[in-house]
Amino acid sequence: MFAVLAFYLFIVMKWGPKFMEDRKPFNVKPLIQIYNLIQVALNAYIFTASLRASYLKPYFNLSCQRYDPKDTSPEMMALLIPAYLYYISKYMDLLDTPR
């Protein structure tokens, strides 16, 4: 995580401005629209998958859910995909962060 953030800062603060120094700005509007569409779809999936695998289940207790790191039941494994996708989406958010 720290290596990705350090690399991101290097690109945004050093390499990017130097690269664009003598260039006209790129037209990235179509890319931004596609990116935004992907982000909306991804976050909608994360939300609905998390909701279906947790809050909507009768065994799930929102105020105090028991945590067992050795629990590999299908019910708990169903939360892994949305959790990992959320983690990955935070890296994708770096693409949308201006300097």
C-alpha atoms as a PDB file:
ATOM      1  CA  MET A   1       0.000   0.000   0.000  1.00  0.00           C
ATOM      2  CA  PHE A   2       2.764   2.446   0.916  1.00  0.00           C
ATOM      3  CA  ALA A   3       4.713   1.620  -2.243  1.00  0.00           C
ATOM      4  CA  VAL A   4       1.648   2.324  -4.411  1.00  0.00           C
ATOM      5  CA  LEU A   5       1.033   5.635  -2.643  1.00  0.00           C
ATOM      6  CA  ALA A   6       4.694   6.626  -2.950  1.00  0.00           C
ATOM      7  CA  PHE A   7       4.650   5.768  -6.664  1.00  0.00           C
ATOM      8  CA  TYR A   8       1.411   7.735  -7.087  1.00  0.00           C
ATOM      9  CA  LEU A   9       2.886  10.788  -5.373  1.00  0.00           C
ATOM     10  CA  PHE A  10       6.008  10.548  -7.524  1.00  0.00           C
ATOM     11  CA  ILE A  11       3.931  10.534 -10.708  1.00  0.00           C
ATOM     12  CA  VAL A  12       1.586  13.314  -9.586  1.00  0.00           C
ATOM     13  CA  MET A  13       4.188  15.614  -8.065  1.00  0.00           C
ATOM     14  CA  LYS A  14       7.339  15.004 -10.148  1.00  0.00           C
ATOM     15  CA  TRP A  15       7.033  12.966 -13.318  1.00  0.00           C
ATOM     16  CA  GLY A  16       3.558  14.096 -14.451  1.00  0.00           C
ATOM     17  CA  PRO A  17       4.197  17.855 -14.364  1.00  0.00           C
ATOM     18  CA  LYS A  18       7.575  17.383 -16.051  1.00  0.00           C
ATOM     19  CA  PHE A  19       6.035  15.163 -18.754  1.00  0.00           C
ATOM     20  CA  MET A  20       3.227  17.664 -19.460  1.00  0.00           C
ATOM     21  CA  GLU A  21       5.453  20.745 -19.251  1.00  0.00           C
ATOM     22  CA  ASP A  22       5.483  21.499 -22.999  1.00  0.00           C
ATOM     23  CA  ARG A  23       2.293  19.703 -24.013  1.00  0.00           C
ATOM     24  CA  LYS A  24      -1.324  20.717 -24.437  1.00  0.00           C
ATOM     25  CA  PRO A  25      -3.749  19.068 -21.984  1.00  0.00           C
ATOM     26  CA  PHE A  26      -5.098  15.714 -23.114  1.00  0.00           C
ATOM     27  CA  ASN A  27      -8.818  15.317 -23.722  1.00  0.00           C
ATOM     28  CA  VAL A  28      -9.680  12.726 -21.090  1.00  0.00           C
ATOM     29  CA  LYS A  29     -13.414  13.423 -20.863  1.00  0.00           C
ATOM     30  CA  PRO A  30     -14.425  10.104 -22.544  1.00  0.00           C
ATOM     31  CA  LEU A  31     -12.054   8.177 -20.251  1.00  0.00           C
ATOM     32  CA  ILE A  32     -13.437   9.945 -17.180  1.00  0.00           C
ATOM     33  CA  GLN A  33     -16.993   9.094 -18.218  1.00  0.00           C
ATOM     34  CA  ILE A  34     -16.095   5.409 -18.642  1.00  0.00           C
ATOM     35  CA  TYR A  35     -14.191   5.437 -15.349  1.00  0.00           C
ATOM     36  CA  ASN A  36     -17.174   7.002 -13.540  1.00  0.00           C
ATOM     37  CA  LEU A  37     -19.531   4.420 -15.020  1.00  0.00           C
ATOM     38  CA  ILE A  38     -17.248   1.593 -13.883  1.00  0.00           C
ATOM     39  CA  GLN A  39     -16.968   3.104 -10.399  1.00  0.00           C
ATOM     40  CA  VAL A  40     -20.747   3.464 -10.056  1.00  0.00           C
ATOM     41  CA  ALA A  41     -21.311  -0.133 -11.177  1.00  0.00           C
ATOM     42  CA  LEU A  42     -18.530  -1.479  -8.960  1.00  0.00           C
ATOM     43  CA  ASN A  43     -19.751   0.383  -5.874  1.00  0.00           C
ATOM     44  CA  ALA A  44     -23.355  -0.664  -6.523  1.00  0.00           C
ATOM     45  CA  TYR A  45     -22.197  -4.296  -6.725  1.00  0.00           C
ATOM     46  CA  ILE A  46     -20.114  -3.969  -3.539  1.00  0.00           C
ATOM     47  CA  PHE A  47     -23.075  -2.451  -1.701  1.00  0.00           C
ATOM     48  CA  THR A  48     -25.638  -5.022  -2.807  1.00  0.00           C
ATOM     49  CA  ALA A  49     -23.314  -8.016  -2.353  1.00  0.00           C
ATOM     50  CA  SER A  50     -22.348  -6.834   1.128  1.00  0.00           C
ATOM     51  CA  LEU A  51     -25.955  -6.222   2.062  1.00  0.00           C
ATOM     52  CA  ARG A  52     -27.047  -9.667   0.812  1.00  0.00           C
ATOM     53  CA  ALA A  53     -24.163 -11.436   2.584  1.00  0.00           C
ATOM     54  CA  SER A  54     -24.579  -9.652   5.899  1.00  0.00           C
ATOM     55  CA  TYR A  55     -27.450  -7.457   7.007  1.00  0.00           C
ATOM     56  CA  LEU A  56     -30.161  -9.347   5.161  1.00  0.00           C
ATOM     57  CA  LYS A  57     -29.158 -12.689   6.695  1.00  0.00           C
ATOM     58  CA  PRO A  58     -31.012 -13.760   9.860  1.00  0.00           C
ATOM     59  CA  TYR A  59     -27.805 -14.778  11.673  1.00  0.00           C
ATOM     60  CA  PHE A  60     -26.123 -11.399  11.144  1.00  0.00           C
ATOM     61  CA  ASN A  61     -26.146  -8.978  14.063  1.00  0.00           C
ATOM     62  CA  LEU A  62     -25.379  -5.415  12.968  1.00  0.00           C
ATOM     63  CA  SER A  63     -24.696  -4.126  16.481  1.00  0.00           C
ATOM     64  CA  CYS A  64     -22.327  -6.908  17.574  1.00  0.00           C
ATOM     65  CA  GLN A  65     -21.251  -9.468  14.997  1.00  0.00           C
ATOM     66  CA  ARG A  66     -18.921 -12.130  16.386  1.00  0.00           C
ATOM     67  CA  TYR A  67     -15.499 -12.175  14.716  1.00  0.00           C
ATOM     68  CA  ASP A  68     -13.700 -15.447  14.208  1.00  0.00           C
ATOM     69  CA  PRO A  69     -10.682 -15.326  11.863  1.00  0.00           C
ATOM     70  CA  LYS A  70     -10.883 -19.112  11.441  1.00  0.00           C
ATOM     71  CA  ASP A  71     -14.506 -19.032  10.273  1.00  0.00           C
ATOM     72  CA  THR A  72     -14.449 -20.275   6.677  1.00  0.00           C
ATOM     73  CA  SER A  73     -18.154 -20.933   6.381  1.00  0.00           C
ATOM     74  CA  PRO A  74     -19.755 -20.081   3.036  1.00  0.00           C
ATOM     75  CA  GLU A  75     -21.666 -17.279   4.769  1.00  0.00           C
ATOM     76  CA  MET A  76     -18.474 -15.547   5.883  1.00  0.00           C
ATOM     77  CA  MET A  77     -16.637 -16.284   2.630  1.00  0.00           C
ATOM     78  CA  ALA A  78     -19.446 -14.495   0.764  1.00  0.00           C
ATOM     79  CA  LEU A  79     -18.227 -11.268   2.389  1.00  0.00           C
ATOM     80  CA  LEU A  80     -14.693 -11.682   1.046  1.00  0.00           C
ATOM     81  CA  ILE A  81     -15.375 -10.703  -2.547  1.00  0.00           C
ATOM     82  CA  PRO A  82     -17.083  -7.387  -1.724  1.00  0.00           C
ATOM     83  CA  ALA A  83     -14.404  -6.635   0.878  1.00  0.00           C
ATOM     84  CA  TYR A  84     -11.551  -7.225  -1.569  1.00  0.00           C
ATOM     85  CA  LEU A  85     -13.337  -5.298  -4.307  1.00  0.00           C
ATOM     86  CA  TYR A  86     -13.779  -2.379  -1.909  1.00  0.00           C
ATOM     87  CA  TYR A  87     -10.058  -2.492  -1.153  1.00  0.00           C
ATOM     88  CA  ILE A  88      -9.212  -2.522  -4.868  1.00  0.00           C
ATOM     89  CA  SER A  89     -11.658   0.316  -5.537  1.00  0.00           C
ATOM     90  CA  LYS A  90      -9.678   2.515  -3.151  1.00  0.00           C
ATOM     91  CA  TYR A  91      -6.669   2.076  -5.415  1.00  0.00           C
ATOM     92  CA  MET A  92      -8.858   2.904  -8.394  1.00  0.00           C
ATOM     93  CA  ASP A  93      -9.904   6.097  -6.599  1.00  0.00           C
ATOM     94  CA  LEU A  94      -6.337   7.324  -7.012  1.00  0.00           C
ATOM     95  CA  LEU A  95      -7.047   7.639 -10.742  1.00  0.00           C
ATOM     96  CA  ASP A  96      -9.696  10.260  -9.963  1.00  0.00           C
ATOM     97  CA  THR A  97      -7.686  12.263  -7.448  1.00  0.00           C
ATOM     98  CA  PRO A  98      -6.348  15.551  -8.786  1.00  0.00           C
ATOM     99  CA  ARG A  99      -3.156  17.027  -7.471  1.00  0.00           C
END
